């Protein structure tokens, strides 16, 4: 695989000249770190993170198509793997009407405290 093609596949072809001028080819990619990428002129943190993740995937032998299947595009154009938990409280509307605003608020706070704690125990975040 050619370094220029690899950068193009990542959407970071603008860095190919710096890689070429500094003699960085595909064989050297596994040796690069965040500071090296800064030295190459990769100023944007998101670009450096994307490059380091792609290098890691190359080392693991993960194809780009496999990696992309489990990633989500965020509003800043950054890809992340995420898991989303959707939870619904059964019969919430009649329950909230029966309990009133203050009691419903207290019930929801207790529910969210418990749910947040469980999610965090399993390595998730809010």
PDB file of N, CA and C in Angstrom:
ATOM      1  N   UNK A   1       0.843  -1.182   0.000  1.00  0.00           N
ATOM      2  CA  UNK A   1       0.000   0.000   0.000  1.00  0.00           C
ATOM      3  C   UNK A   1       0.885   1.241   0.000  1.00  0.00           C
ATOM      4  N   UNK A   2       0.535   2.207  -0.802  1.00  0.00           N
ATOM      5  CA  UNK A   2       1.253   3.465  -0.907  1.00  0.00           C
ATOM      6  C   UNK A   2       0.763   4.422   0.187  1.00  0.00           C
ATOM      7  N   UNK A   3       1.691   5.179   0.778  1.00  0.00           N
ATOM      8  CA  UNK A   3       1.348   6.121   1.834  1.00  0.00           C
ATOM      9  C   UNK A   3       0.360   7.178   1.396  1.00  0.00           C
ATOM     10  N   UNK A   4       0.519   7.663   0.172  1.00  0.00           N
ATOM     11  CA  UNK A   4      -0.391   8.689  -0.350  1.00  0.00           C
ATOM     12  C   UNK A   4      -1.807   8.123  -0.460  1.00  0.00           C
ATOM     13  N   UNK A   5      -1.926   6.891  -0.951  1.00  0.00           N
ATOM     14  CA  UNK A   5      -3.242   6.246  -1.061  1.00  0.00           C
ATOM     15  C   UNK A   5      -3.860   6.043   0.311  1.00  0.00           C
ATOM     16  N   UNK A   6      -3.034   5.643   1.266  1.00  0.00           N
ATOM     17  CA  UNK A   6      -3.509   5.420   2.627  1.00  0.00           C
ATOM     18  C   UNK A   6      -4.050   6.718   3.224  1.00  0.00           C
ATOM     19  N   UNK A   7      -3.295   7.812   3.057  1.00  0.00           N
ATOM     20  CA  UNK A   7      -3.752   9.105   3.562  1.00  0.00           C
ATOM     21  C   UNK A   7      -5.023   9.562   2.836  1.00  0.00           C
ATOM     22  N   UNK A   8      -5.099   9.309   1.541  1.00  0.00           N
ATOM     23  CA  UNK A   8      -6.288   9.670   0.767  1.00  0.00           C
ATOM     24  C   UNK A   8      -7.500   8.904   1.297  1.00  0.00           C
ATOM     25  N   UNK A   9      -7.320   7.617   1.584  1.00  0.00           N
ATOM     26  CA  UNK A   9      -8.402   6.790   2.112  1.00  0.00           C
ATOM     27  C   UNK A   9      -8.914   7.336   3.446  1.00  0.00           C
ATOM     28  N   UNK A  10      -8.016   7.925   4.228  1.00  0.00           N
ATOM     29  CA  UNK A  10      -8.389   8.505   5.515  1.00  0.00           C
ATOM     30  C   UNK A  10      -8.957   9.911   5.389  1.00  0.00           C
ATOM     31  N   UNK A  11      -8.889  10.486   4.181  1.00  0.00           N
ATOM     32  CA  UNK A  11      -9.338  11.861   3.990  1.00  0.00           C
ATOM     33  C   UNK A  11      -8.321  12.868   4.480  1.00  0.00           C
ATOM     34  N   UNK A  12      -7.042  12.455   4.541  1.00  0.00           N
ATOM     35  CA  UNK A  12      -5.977  13.312   5.065  1.00  0.00           C
ATOM     36  C   UNK A  12      -4.841  13.471   4.058  1.00  0.00           C
ATOM     37  N   UNK A  13      -5.196  13.487   2.781  1.00  0.00           N
ATOM     38  CA  UNK A  13      -4.192  13.555   1.721  1.00  0.00           C
ATOM     39  C   UNK A  13      -3.347  14.828   1.786  1.00  0.00           C
ATOM     40  N   UNK A  14      -3.865  15.877   2.424  1.00  0.00           N
ATOM     41  CA  UNK A  14      -3.100  17.121   2.512  1.00  0.00           C
ATOM     42  C   UNK A  14      -1.777  16.953   3.257  1.00  0.00           C
ATOM     43  N   UNK A  15      -1.628  15.865   3.994  1.00  0.00           N
ATOM     44  CA  UNK A  15      -0.396  15.607   4.739  1.00  0.00           C
ATOM     45  C   UNK A  15       0.600  14.739   3.963  1.00  0.00           C
ATOM     46  N   UNK A  16       0.223  14.298   2.783  1.00  0.00           N
ATOM     47  CA  UNK A  16       1.084  13.365   2.044  1.00  0.00           C
ATOM     48  C   UNK A  16       2.421  13.981   1.657  1.00  0.00           C
ATOM     49  N   UNK A  17       2.439  15.270   1.348  1.00  0.00           N
ATOM     50  CA  UNK A  17       3.707  15.899   0.977  1.00  0.00           C
ATOM     51  C   UNK A  17       4.672  15.909   2.168  1.00  0.00           C
ATOM     52  N   UNK A  18       4.172  16.239   3.349  1.00  0.00           N
ATOM     53  CA  UNK A  18       5.022  16.255   4.539  1.00  0.00           C
ATOM     54  C   UNK A  18       5.555  14.858   4.849  1.00  0.00           C
ATOM     55  N   UNK A  19       4.693  13.850   4.697  1.00  0.00           N
ATOM     56  CA  UNK A  19       5.144  12.476   4.920  1.00  0.00           C
ATOM     57  C   UNK A  19       6.250  12.128   3.931  1.00  0.00           C
ATOM     58  N   UNK A  20       6.030  12.463   2.671  1.00  0.00           N
ATOM     59  CA  UNK A  20       6.996  12.148   1.618  1.00  0.00           C
ATOM     60  C   UNK A  20       8.317  12.884   1.830  1.00  0.00           C
ATOM     61  N   UNK A  21       8.250  14.180   2.125  1.00  0.00           N
ATOM     62  CA  UNK A  21       9.457  14.989   2.324  1.00  0.00           C
ATOM     63  C   UNK A  21      10.292  14.486   3.503  1.00  0.00           C
ATOM     64  N   UNK A  22       9.635  13.871   4.471  1.00  0.00           N
ATOM     65  CA  UNK A  22      10.337  13.377   5.654  1.00  0.00           C
ATOM     66  C   UNK A  22      10.649  11.886   5.578  1.00  0.00           C
ATOM     67  N   UNK A  23      10.416  11.295   4.410  1.00  0.00           N
ATOM     68  CA  UNK A  23      10.756   9.892   4.203  1.00  0.00           C
ATOM     69  C   UNK A  23       9.891   8.909   4.964  1.00  0.00           C
ATOM     70  N   UNK A  24       8.694   9.342   5.342  1.00  0.00           N
ATOM     71  CA  UNK A  24       7.790   8.466   6.091  1.00  0.00           C
ATOM     72  C   UNK A  24       6.943   7.696   5.093  1.00  0.00           C
ATOM     73  N   UNK A  25       7.179   6.384   5.049  1.00  0.00           N
ATOM     74  CA  UNK A  25       6.364   5.529   4.196  1.00  0.00           C
ATOM     75  C   UNK A  25       5.590   4.557   5.076  1.00  0.00           C
ATOM     76  N   UNK A  26       4.857   3.673   4.457  1.00  0.00           N
ATOM     77  CA  UNK A  26       3.995   2.753   5.196  1.00  0.00           C
ATOM     78  C   UNK A  26       4.780   1.908   6.194  1.00  0.00           C
ATOM     79  N   UNK A  27       6.005   1.566   5.875  1.00  0.00           N
ATOM     80  CA  UNK A  27       6.793   0.727   6.780  1.00  0.00           C
ATOM     81  C   UNK A  27       7.134   1.442   8.088  1.00  0.00           C
ATOM     82  N   UNK A  28       7.160   2.782   8.072  1.00  0.00           N
ATOM     83  CA  UNK A  28       7.485   3.536   9.287  1.00  0.00           C
ATOM     84  C   UNK A  28       6.258   3.906  10.119  1.00  0.00           C
ATOM     85  N   UNK A  29       5.072   3.728   9.564  1.00  0.00           N
ATOM     86  CA  UNK A  29       3.863   4.148  10.272  1.00  0.00           C
ATOM     87  C   UNK A  29       3.759   3.603  11.689  1.00  0.00           C
ATOM     88  N   UNK A  30       4.037   2.314  11.918  1.00  0.00           N
ATOM     89  CA  UNK A  30       3.886   1.793  13.284  1.00  0.00           C
ATOM     90  C   UNK A  30       4.789   2.470  14.319  1.00  0.00           C
ATOM     91  N   UNK A  31       5.822   3.145  13.866  1.00  0.00           N
ATOM     92  CA  UNK A  31       6.745   3.805  14.793  1.00  0.00           C
ATOM     93  C   UNK A  31       6.324   5.230  15.135  1.00  0.00           C
ATOM     94  N   UNK A  32       5.332   5.765  14.425  1.00  0.00           N
ATOM     95  CA  UNK A  32       4.921   7.147  14.655  1.00  0.00           C
ATOM     96  C   UNK A  32       4.116   7.285  15.931  1.00  0.00           C
ATOM     97  N   UNK A  33       4.310   8.423  16.597  1.00  0.00           N
ATOM     98  CA  UNK A  33       3.511   8.749  17.771  1.00  0.00           C
ATOM     99  C   UNK A  33       2.965  10.163  17.604  1.00  0.00           C
ATOM    100  N   UNK A  34       2.248  10.647  18.594  1.00  0.00           N
ATOM    101  CA  UNK A  34       1.611  11.957  18.519  1.00  0.00           C
ATOM    102  C   UNK A  34       2.625  13.074  18.260  1.00  0.00           C
ATOM    103  N   UNK A  35       3.771  13.026  18.937  1.00  0.00           N
ATOM    104  CA  UNK A  35       4.805  14.058  18.754  1.00  0.00           C
ATOM    105  C   UNK A  35       5.372  14.026  17.340  1.00  0.00           C
ATOM    106  N   UNK A  36       5.582  12.823  16.802  1.00  0.00           N
ATOM    107  CA  UNK A  36       6.066  12.704  15.424  1.00  0.00           C
ATOM    108  C   UNK A  36       5.092  13.351  14.455  1.00  0.00           C
ATOM    109  N   UNK A  37       3.795  13.115  14.670  1.00  0.00           N
ATOM    110  CA  UNK A  37       2.787  13.701  13.781  1.00  0.00           C
ATOM    111  C   UNK A  37       2.788  15.217  13.881  1.00  0.00           C
ATOM    112  N   UNK A  38       3.009  15.741  15.092  1.00  0.00           N
ATOM    113  CA  UNK A  38       3.140  17.194  15.245  1.00  0.00           C
ATOM    114  C   UNK A  38       4.340  17.697  14.460  1.00  0.00           C
ATOM    115  N   UNK A  39       5.472  16.976  14.559  1.00  0.00           N
ATOM    116  CA  UNK A  39       6.686  17.352  13.826  1.00  0.00           C
ATOM    117  C   UNK A  39       6.452  17.332  12.316  1.00  0.00           C
ATOM    118  N   UNK A  40       5.570  16.453  11.859  1.00  0.00           N
ATOM    119  CA  UNK A  40       5.244  16.379  10.429  1.00  0.00           C
ATOM    120  C   UNK A  40       4.271  17.484  10.007  1.00  0.00           C
ATOM    121  N   UNK A  41       3.797  18.269  10.975  1.00  0.00           N
ATOM    122  CA  UNK A  41       2.908  19.380  10.652  1.00  0.00           C
ATOM    123  C   UNK A  41       1.433  19.041  10.737  1.00  0.00           C
ATOM    124  N   UNK A  42       1.098  17.908  11.341  1.00  0.00           N
ATOM    125  CA  UNK A  42      -0.309  17.557  11.519  1.00  0.00           C
ATOM    126  C   UNK A  42      -0.777  18.296  12.767  1.00  0.00           C
ATOM    127  N   UNK A  43      -1.351  19.482  12.544  1.00  0.00           N
ATOM    128  CA  UNK A  43      -1.678  20.382  13.642  1.00  0.00           C
ATOM    129  C   UNK A  43      -2.974  20.012  14.361  1.00  0.00           C
ATOM    130  N   UNK A  44      -3.966  19.568  13.613  1.00  0.00           N
ATOM    131  CA  UNK A  44      -5.270  19.281  14.214  1.00  0.00           C
ATOM    132  C   UNK A  44      -5.224  17.996  15.040  1.00  0.00           C
ATOM    133  N   UNK A  45      -5.675  18.097  16.282  1.00  0.00           N
ATOM    134  CA  UNK A  45      -5.719  16.945  17.169  1.00  0.00           C
ATOM    135  C   UNK A  45      -6.559  15.820  16.565  1.00  0.00           C
ATOM    136  N   UNK A  46      -7.696  16.158  15.985  1.00  0.00           N
ATOM    137  CA  UNK A  46      -8.576  15.131  15.390  1.00  0.00           C
ATOM    138  C   UNK A  46      -7.851  14.369  14.288  1.00  0.00           C
ATOM    139  N   UNK A  47      -7.048  15.072  13.482  1.00  0.00           N
ATOM    140  CA  UNK A  47      -6.295  14.404  12.420  1.00  0.00           C
ATOM    141  C   UNK A  47      -5.246  13.466  12.997  1.00  0.00           C
ATOM    142  N   UNK A  48      -4.556  13.913  14.064  1.00  0.00           N
ATOM    143  CA  UNK A  48      -3.547  13.060  14.692  1.00  0.00           C
ATOM    144  C   UNK A  48      -4.196  11.822  15.297  1.00  0.00           C
ATOM    145  N   UNK A  49      -5.320  11.998  15.975  1.00  0.00           N
ATOM    146  CA  UNK A  49      -6.030  10.865  16.562  1.00  0.00           C
ATOM    147  C   UNK A  49      -6.466   9.893  15.466  1.00  0.00           C
ATOM    148  N   UNK A  50      -7.013  10.427  14.378  1.00  0.00           N
ATOM    149  CA  UNK A  50      -7.465   9.586  13.266  1.00  0.00           C
ATOM    150  C   UNK A  50      -6.291   8.793  12.687  1.00  0.00           C
ATOM    151  N   UNK A  51      -5.145   9.445  12.522  1.00  0.00           N
ATOM    152  CA  UNK A  51      -3.960   8.772  11.993  1.00  0.00           C
ATOM    153  C   UNK A  51      -3.466   7.685  12.945  1.00  0.00           C
ATOM    154  N   UNK A  52      -3.377   7.993  14.227  1.00  0.00           N
ATOM    155  CA  UNK A  52      -2.895   7.007  15.190  1.00  0.00           C
ATOM    156  C   UNK A  52      -3.829   5.798  15.269  1.00  0.00           C
ATOM    157  N   UNK A  53      -5.123   6.042  15.200  1.00  0.00           N
ATOM    158  CA  UNK A  53      -6.082   4.936  15.217  1.00  0.00           C
ATOM    159  C   UNK A  53      -5.954   4.096  13.950  1.00  0.00           C
ATOM    160  N   UNK A  54      -5.784   4.748  12.814  1.00  0.00           N
ATOM    161  CA  UNK A  54      -5.635   4.014  11.548  1.00  0.00           C
ATOM    162  C   UNK A  54      -4.345   3.200  11.540  1.00  0.00           C
ATOM    163  N   UNK A  55      -3.282   3.741  12.119  1.00  0.00           N
ATOM    164  CA  UNK A  55      -2.017   3.001  12.219  1.00  0.00           C
ATOM    165  C   UNK A  55      -2.219   1.761  13.089  1.00  0.00           C
ATOM    166  N   UNK A  56      -2.926   1.934  14.199  1.00  0.00           N
ATOM    167  CA  UNK A  56      -3.205   0.801  15.087  1.00  0.00           C
ATOM    168  C   UNK A  56      -4.013  -0.274  14.349  1.00  0.00           C
ATOM    169  N   UNK A  57      -4.977   0.153  13.558  1.00  0.00           N
ATOM    170  CA  UNK A  57      -5.796  -0.801  12.805  1.00  0.00           C
ATOM    171  C   UNK A  57      -4.964  -1.517  11.742  1.00  0.00           C
ATOM    172  N   UNK A  58      -4.013  -0.794  11.141  1.00  0.00           N
ATOM    173  CA  UNK A  58      -3.119  -1.439  10.176  1.00  0.00           C
ATOM    174  C   UNK A  58      -2.305  -2.536  10.851  1.00  0.00           C
ATOM    175  N   UNK A  59      -1.815  -2.236  12.048  1.00  0.00           N
ATOM    176  CA  UNK A  59      -1.009  -3.209  12.777  1.00  0.00           C
ATOM    177  C   UNK A  59      -1.820  -4.439  13.155  1.00  0.00           C
ATOM    178  N   UNK A  60      -3.101  -4.242  13.454  1.00  0.00           N
ATOM    179  CA  UNK A  60      -3.963  -5.352  13.832  1.00  0.00           C
ATOM    180  C   UNK A  60      -4.483  -6.099  12.614  1.00  0.00           C
ATOM    181  N   UNK A  61      -4.299  -5.515  11.442  1.00  0.00           N
ATOM    182  CA  UNK A  61      -4.798  -6.144  10.226  1.00  0.00           C
ATOM    183  C   UNK A  61      -6.280  -5.916   9.997  1.00  0.00           C
ATOM    184  N   UNK A  62      -6.838  -4.883  10.635  1.00  0.00           N
ATOM    185  CA  UNK A  62      -8.257  -4.572  10.470  1.00  0.00           C
ATOM    186  C   UNK A  62      -8.427  -3.741   9.220  1.00  0.00           C
ATOM    187  N   UNK A  63      -9.296  -4.170   8.321  1.00  0.00           N
ATOM    188  CA  UNK A  63      -9.523  -3.402   7.096  1.00  0.00           C
ATOM    189  C   UNK A  63     -10.344  -2.169   7.413  1.00  0.00           C
ATOM    190  N   UNK A  64     -10.223  -1.139   6.578  1.00  0.00           N
ATOM    191  CA  UNK A  64     -10.971   0.095   6.788  1.00  0.00           C
ATOM    192  C   UNK A  64     -12.470  -0.160   6.760  1.00  0.00           C
ATOM    193  N   UNK A  65     -12.930  -1.030   5.862  1.00  0.00           N
ATOM    194  CA  UNK A  65     -14.370  -1.276   5.783  1.00  0.00           C
ATOM    195  C   UNK A  65     -14.880  -1.924   7.065  1.00  0.00           C
ATOM    196  N   UNK A  66     -14.103  -2.833   7.662  1.00  0.00           N
ATOM    197  CA  UNK A  66     -14.501  -3.450   8.931  1.00  0.00           C
ATOM    198  C   UNK A  66     -14.542  -2.420  10.042  1.00  0.00           C
ATOM    199  N   UNK A  67     -13.539  -1.559  10.078  1.00  0.00           N
ATOM    200  CA  UNK A  67     -13.477  -0.552  11.133  1.00  0.00           C
ATOM    201  C   UNK A  67     -14.618   0.438  11.008  1.00  0.00           C
ATOM    202  N   UNK A  68     -14.965   0.812   9.803  1.00  0.00           N
ATOM    203  CA  UNK A  68     -16.019   1.804   9.600  1.00  0.00           C
ATOM    204  C   UNK A  68     -17.398   1.268   9.940  1.00  0.00           C
ATOM    205  N   UNK A  69     -17.611  -0.021   9.827  1.00  0.00           N
ATOM    206  CA  UNK A  69     -18.930  -0.583  10.112  1.00  0.00           C
ATOM    207  C   UNK A  69     -19.381  -0.305  11.527  1.00  0.00           C
ATOM    208  N   UNK A  70     -18.459  -0.230  12.465  1.00  0.00           N
ATOM    209  CA  UNK A  70     -18.836  -0.054  13.863  1.00  0.00           C
ATOM    210  C   UNK A  70     -18.520   1.345  14.384  1.00  0.00           C
ATOM    211  N   UNK A  71     -18.358   2.298  13.508  1.00  0.00           N
ATOM    212  CA  UNK A  71     -18.067   3.656  13.928  1.00  0.00           C
ATOM    213  C   UNK A  71     -19.215   4.587  13.562  1.00  0.00           C
ATOM    214  N   UNK A  72     -19.313   5.686  14.290  1.00  0.00           N
ATOM    215  CA  UNK A  72     -20.355   6.669  14.066  1.00  0.00           C
ATOM    216  C   UNK A  72     -19.711   8.021  13.824  1.00  0.00           C
ATOM    217  N   UNK A  73     -20.220   8.795  12.878  1.00  0.00           N
ATOM    218  CA  UNK A  73     -19.692  10.122  12.582  1.00  0.00           C
ATOM    219  C   UNK A  73     -20.320  11.129  13.554  1.00  0.00           C
ATOM    220  N   UNK A  74     -19.486  11.881  14.276  1.00  0.00           N
ATOM    221  CA  UNK A  74     -19.990  12.922  15.156  1.00  0.00           C
ATOM    222  C   UNK A  74     -20.059  14.229  14.393  1.00  0.00           C
ATOM    223  N   UNK A  75     -20.633  15.259  15.011  1.00  0.00           N
ATOM    224  CA  UNK A  75     -20.833  16.533  14.315  1.00  0.00           C
ATOM    225  C   UNK A  75     -19.511  17.197  13.931  1.00  0.00           C
ATOM    226  N   UNK A  76     -18.411  16.915  14.636  1.00  0.00           N
ATOM    227  CA  UNK A  76     -17.118  17.502  14.304  1.00  0.00           C
ATOM    228  C   UNK A  76     -16.388  16.706  13.221  1.00  0.00           C
ATOM    229  N   UNK A  77     -16.998  15.659  12.715  1.00  0.00           N
ATOM    230  CA  UNK A  77     -16.357  14.860  11.684  1.00  0.00           C
ATOM    231  C   UNK A  77     -15.417  13.817  12.252  1.00  0.00           C
ATOM    232  N   UNK A  78     -15.551  13.522  13.512  1.00  0.00           N
ATOM    233  CA  UNK A  78     -14.708  12.530  14.163  1.00  0.00           C
ATOM    234  C   UNK A  78     -15.462  11.211  14.252  1.00  0.00           C
ATOM    235  N   UNK A  79     -14.780  10.107  14.002  1.00  0.00           N
ATOM    236  CA  UNK A  79     -15.428   8.806  14.096  1.00  0.00           C
ATOM    237  C   UNK A  79     -15.138   8.196  15.459  1.00  0.00           C
ATOM    238  N   UNK A  80     -16.195   7.644  16.054  1.00  0.00           N
ATOM    239  CA  UNK A  80     -16.061   6.981  17.342  1.00  0.00           C
ATOM    240  C   UNK A  80     -16.939   5.745  17.361  1.00  0.00           C
ATOM    241  N   UNK A  81     -16.492   4.732  18.078  1.00  0.00           N
ATOM    242  CA  UNK A  81     -17.333   3.568  18.315  1.00  0.00           C
ATOM    243  C   UNK A  81     -18.162   3.852  19.549  1.00  0.00           C
ATOM    244  N   UNK A  82     -19.459   3.648  19.437  1.00  0.00           N
ATOM    245  CA  UNK A  82     -20.342   3.927  20.568  1.00  0.00           C
ATOM    246  C   UNK A  82     -21.374   2.820  20.734  1.00  0.00           C
ATOM    247  N   UNK A  83     -21.881   2.719  21.932  1.00  0.00           N
ATOM    248  CA  UNK A  83     -23.039   1.897  22.234  1.00  0.00           C
ATOM    249  C   UNK A  83     -24.034   2.808  22.913  1.00  0.00           C
ATOM    250  N   UNK A  84     -25.278   2.739  22.498  1.00  0.00           N
ATOM    251  CA  UNK A  84     -26.310   3.608  23.040  1.00  0.00           C
ATOM    252  C   UNK A  84     -27.311   2.761  23.806  1.00  0.00           C
ATOM    253  N   UNK A  85     -27.654   3.202  25.005  1.00  0.00           N
ATOM    254  CA  UNK A  85     -28.667   2.541  25.802  1.00  0.00           C
ATOM    255  C   UNK A  85     -29.928   3.386  25.766  1.00  0.00           C
ATOM    256  N   UNK A  86     -31.029   2.801  25.346  1.00  0.00           N
ATOM    257  CA  UNK A  86     -32.320   3.475  25.398  1.00  0.00           C
ATOM    258  C   UNK A  86     -33.159   2.722  26.411  1.00  0.00           C
ATOM    259  N   UNK A  87     -33.632   3.428  27.416  1.00  0.00           N
ATOM    260  CA  UNK A  87     -34.451   2.799  28.445  1.00  0.00           C
ATOM    261  C   UNK A  87     -35.755   3.580  28.569  1.00  0.00           C
ATOM    262  N   UNK A  88     -36.838   2.856  28.725  1.00  0.00           N
ATOM    263  CA  UNK A  88     -38.162   3.455  28.833  1.00  0.00           C
ATOM    264  C   UNK A  88     -38.800   2.976  30.126  1.00  0.00           C
ATOM    265  N   UNK A  89     -39.471   3.873  30.813  1.00  0.00           N
ATOM    266  CA  UNK A  89     -40.180   3.503  32.033  1.00  0.00           C
ATOM    267  C   UNK A  89     -41.610   3.150  31.626  1.00  0.00           C
ATOM    268  N   UNK A  90     -41.975   1.915  31.871  1.00  0.00           N
ATOM    269  CA  UNK A  90     -43.311   1.443  31.478  1.00  0.00           C
ATOM    270  C   UNK A  90     -44.400   2.248  32.186  1.00  0.00           C
ATOM    271  N   UNK A  91     -45.417   2.616  31.426  1.00  0.00           N
ATOM    272  CA  UNK A  91     -46.585   3.349  31.950  1.00  0.00           C
ATOM    273  C   UNK A  91     -46.192   4.644  32.651  1.00  0.00           C
ATOM    274  N   UNK A  92     -45.182   5.325  32.107  1.00  0.00           N
ATOM    275  CA  UNK A  92     -44.668   6.539  32.738  1.00  0.00           C
ATOM    276  C   UNK A  92     -45.734   7.632  32.826  1.00  0.00           C
ATOM    277  N   UNK A  93     -46.466   7.855  31.757  1.00  0.00           N
ATOM    278  CA  UNK A  93     -47.434   8.957  31.753  1.00  0.00           C
ATOM    279  C   UNK A  93     -48.504   8.786  32.837  1.00  0.00           C
ATOM    280  N   UNK A  94     -49.201   7.642  32.894  1.00  0.00           N
ATOM    281  CA  UNK A  94     -50.202   7.513  33.969  1.00  0.00           C
ATOM    282  C   UNK A  94     -49.563   7.538  35.363  1.00  0.00           C
ATOM    283  N   UNK A  95     -48.350   6.980  35.477  1.00  0.00           N
ATOM    284  CA  UNK A  95     -47.651   6.989  36.762  1.00  0.00           C
ATOM    285  C   UNK A  95     -47.356   8.426  37.196  1.00  0.00           C
ATOM    286  N   UNK A  96     -46.838   9.243  36.269  1.00  0.00           N
ATOM    287  CA  UNK A  96     -46.491  10.622  36.616  1.00  0.00           C
ATOM    288  C   UNK A  96     -47.737  11.444  36.952  1.00  0.00           C
ATOM    289  N   UNK A  97     -48.855  11.155  36.292  1.00  0.00           N
ATOM    290  CA  UNK A  97     -50.101  11.861  36.605  1.00  0.00           C
ATOM    291  C   UNK A  97     -50.589  11.490  38.006  1.00  0.00           C
ATOM    292  N   UNK A  98     -50.417  10.232  38.354  1.00  0.00           N
ATOM    293  CA  UNK A  98     -50.868   9.747  39.662  1.00  0.00           C
ATOM    294  C   UNK A  98     -49.964  10.277  40.784  1.00  0.00           C
ATOM    295  N   UNK A  99     -48.645  10.347  40.537  1.00  0.00           N
ATOM    296  CA  UNK A  99     -47.708  10.730  41.596  1.00  0.00           C
ATOM    297  C   UNK A  99     -47.591  12.240  41.799  1.00  0.00           C
ATOM    298  N   UNK A 100     -47.781  13.020  40.749  1.00  0.00           N
ATOM    299  CA  UNK A 100     -47.583  14.459  40.842  1.00  0.00           C
ATOM    300  C   UNK A 100     -46.151  14.833  40.475  1.00  0.00           C
ATOM    301  N   UNK A 101     -45.924  16.119  40.249  1.00  0.00           N
ATOM    302  CA  UNK A 101     -44.656  16.615  39.717  1.00  0.00           C
ATOM    303  C   UNK A 101     -43.466  16.361  40.643  1.00  0.00           C
ATOM    304  N   UNK A 102     -43.613  16.713  41.929  1.00  0.00           N
ATOM    305  CA  UNK A 102     -42.477  16.596  42.847  1.00  0.00           C
ATOM    306  C   UNK A 102     -42.059  15.135  43.059  1.00  0.00           C
ATOM    307  N   UNK A 103     -43.031  14.261  43.247  1.00  0.00           N
ATOM    308  CA  UNK A 103     -42.721  12.853  43.478  1.00  0.00           C
ATOM    309  C   UNK A 103     -42.141  12.218  42.217  1.00  0.00           C
ATOM    310  N   UNK A 104     -42.700  12.597  41.053  1.00  0.00           N
ATOM    311  CA  UNK A 104     -42.174  12.087  39.781  1.00  0.00           C
ATOM    312  C   UNK A 104     -40.730  12.533  39.596  1.00  0.00           C
ATOM    313  N   UNK A 105     -40.438  13.784  39.912  1.00  0.00           N
ATOM    314  CA  UNK A 105     -39.076  14.313  39.802  1.00  0.00           C
ATOM    315  C   UNK A 105     -38.126  13.527  40.704  1.00  0.00           C
ATOM    316  N   UNK A 106     -38.541  13.262  41.905  1.00  0.00           N
ATOM    317  CA  UNK A 106     -37.724  12.493  42.846  1.00  0.00           C
ATOM    318  C   UNK A 106     -37.503  11.061  42.338  1.00  0.00           C
ATOM    319  N   UNK A 107     -38.565  10.448  41.818  1.00  0.00           N
ATOM    320  CA  UNK A 107     -38.463   9.097  41.265  1.00  0.00           C
ATOM    321  C   UNK A 107     -37.476   9.063  40.098  1.00  0.00           C
ATOM    322  N   UNK A 108     -37.563  10.028  39.188  1.00  0.00           N
ATOM    323  CA  UNK A 108     -36.648  10.085  38.044  1.00  0.00           C
ATOM    324  C   UNK A 108     -35.205  10.282  38.485  1.00  0.00           C
ATOM    325  N   UNK A 109     -34.995  11.150  39.469  1.00  0.00           N
ATOM    326  CA  UNK A 109     -33.632  11.353  39.972  1.00  0.00           C
ATOM    327  C   UNK A 109     -33.051  10.065  40.534  1.00  0.00           C
ATOM    328  N   UNK A 110     -33.834   9.307  41.297  1.00  0.00           N
ATOM    329  CA  UNK A 110     -33.361   8.027  41.838  1.00  0.00           C
ATOM    330  C   UNK A 110     -33.078   7.040  40.707  1.00  0.00           C
ATOM    331  N   UNK A 111     -33.974   7.005  39.712  1.00  0.00           N
ATOM    332  CA  UNK A 111     -33.781   6.109  38.568  1.00  0.00           C
ATOM    333  C   UNK A 111     -32.489   6.462  37.820  1.00  0.00           C
ATOM    334  N   UNK A 112     -32.288   7.751  37.514  1.00  0.00           N
ATOM    335  CA  UNK A 112     -31.088   8.152  36.765  1.00  0.00           C
ATOM    336  C   UNK A 112     -29.817   7.903  37.568  1.00  0.00           C
ATOM    337  N   UNK A 113     -29.858   8.118  38.875  1.00  0.00           N
ATOM    338  CA  UNK A 113     -28.684   7.825  39.711  1.00  0.00           C
ATOM    339  C   UNK A 113     -28.321   6.344  39.615  1.00  0.00           C
ATOM    340  N   UNK A 114     -29.325   5.484  39.718  1.00  0.00           N
ATOM    341  CA  UNK A 114     -29.073   4.033  39.655  1.00  0.00           C
ATOM    342  C   UNK A 114     -28.595   3.629  38.264  1.00  0.00           C
ATOM    343  N   UNK A 115     -29.261   4.129  37.210  1.00  0.00           N
ATOM    344  CA  UNK A 115     -28.881   3.773  35.838  1.00  0.00           C
ATOM    345  C   UNK A 115     -27.470   4.274  35.515  1.00  0.00           C
ATOM    346  N   UNK A 116     -27.158   5.507  35.899  1.00  0.00           N
ATOM    347  CA  UNK A 116     -25.819   6.064  35.654  1.00  0.00           C
ATOM    348  C   UNK A 116     -24.744   5.231  36.342  1.00  0.00           C
ATOM    349  N   UNK A 117     -25.005   4.835  37.584  1.00  0.00           N
ATOM    350  CA  UNK A 117     -24.029   4.043  38.341  1.00  0.00           C
ATOM    351  C   UNK A 117     -23.762   2.709  37.638  1.00  0.00           C
ATOM    352  N   UNK A 118     -24.806   2.054  37.177  1.00  0.00           N
ATOM    353  CA  UNK A 118     -24.655   0.762  36.506  1.00  0.00           C
ATOM    354  C   UNK A 118     -23.900   0.921  35.197  1.00  0.00           C
ATOM    355  N   UNK A 119     -24.249   1.935  34.418  1.00  0.00           N
ATOM    356  CA  UNK A 119     -23.559   2.170  33.135  1.00  0.00           C
ATOM    357  C   UNK A 119     -22.079   2.433  33.391  1.00  0.00           C
ATOM    358  N   UNK A 120     -21.769   3.273  34.381  1.00  0.00           N
ATOM    359  CA  UNK A 120     -20.368   3.590  34.690  1.00  0.00           C
ATOM    360  C   UNK A 120     -19.607   2.372  35.206  1.00  0.00           C
ATOM    361  N   UNK A 121     -20.270   1.490  35.955  1.00  0.00           N
ATOM    362  CA  UNK A 121     -19.620   0.270  36.446  1.00  0.00           C
ATOM    363  C   UNK A 121     -19.178  -0.618  35.293  1.00  0.00           C
ATOM    364  N   UNK A 122     -19.866  -0.545  34.173  1.00  0.00           N
ATOM    365  CA  UNK A 122     -19.530  -1.349  33.012  1.00  0.00           C
ATOM    366  C   UNK A 122     -18.664  -0.575  32.013  1.00  0.00           C
ATOM    367  N   UNK A 123     -18.089   0.560  32.439  1.00  0.00           N
ATOM    368  CA  UNK A 123     -17.150   1.301  31.614  1.00  0.00           C
ATOM    369  C   UNK A 123     -17.783   2.342  30.715  1.00  0.00           C
ATOM    370  N   UNK A 124     -19.052   2.575  30.875  1.00  0.00           N
ATOM    371  CA  UNK A 124     -19.732   3.584  30.049  1.00  0.00           C
ATOM    372  C   UNK A 124     -19.670   4.951  30.694  1.00  0.00           C
ATOM    373  N   UNK A 125     -20.193   5.919  29.986  1.00  0.00           N
ATOM    374  CA  UNK A 125     -20.265   7.276  30.517  1.00  0.00           C
ATOM    375  C   UNK A 125     -21.614   7.874  30.137  1.00  0.00           C
ATOM    376  N   UNK A 126     -21.952   8.928  30.806  1.00  0.00           N
ATOM    377  CA  UNK A 126     -23.236   9.580  30.542  1.00  0.00           C
ATOM    378  C   UNK A 126     -23.131  10.495  29.366  1.00  0.00           C
TER     379      UNK A 126
END
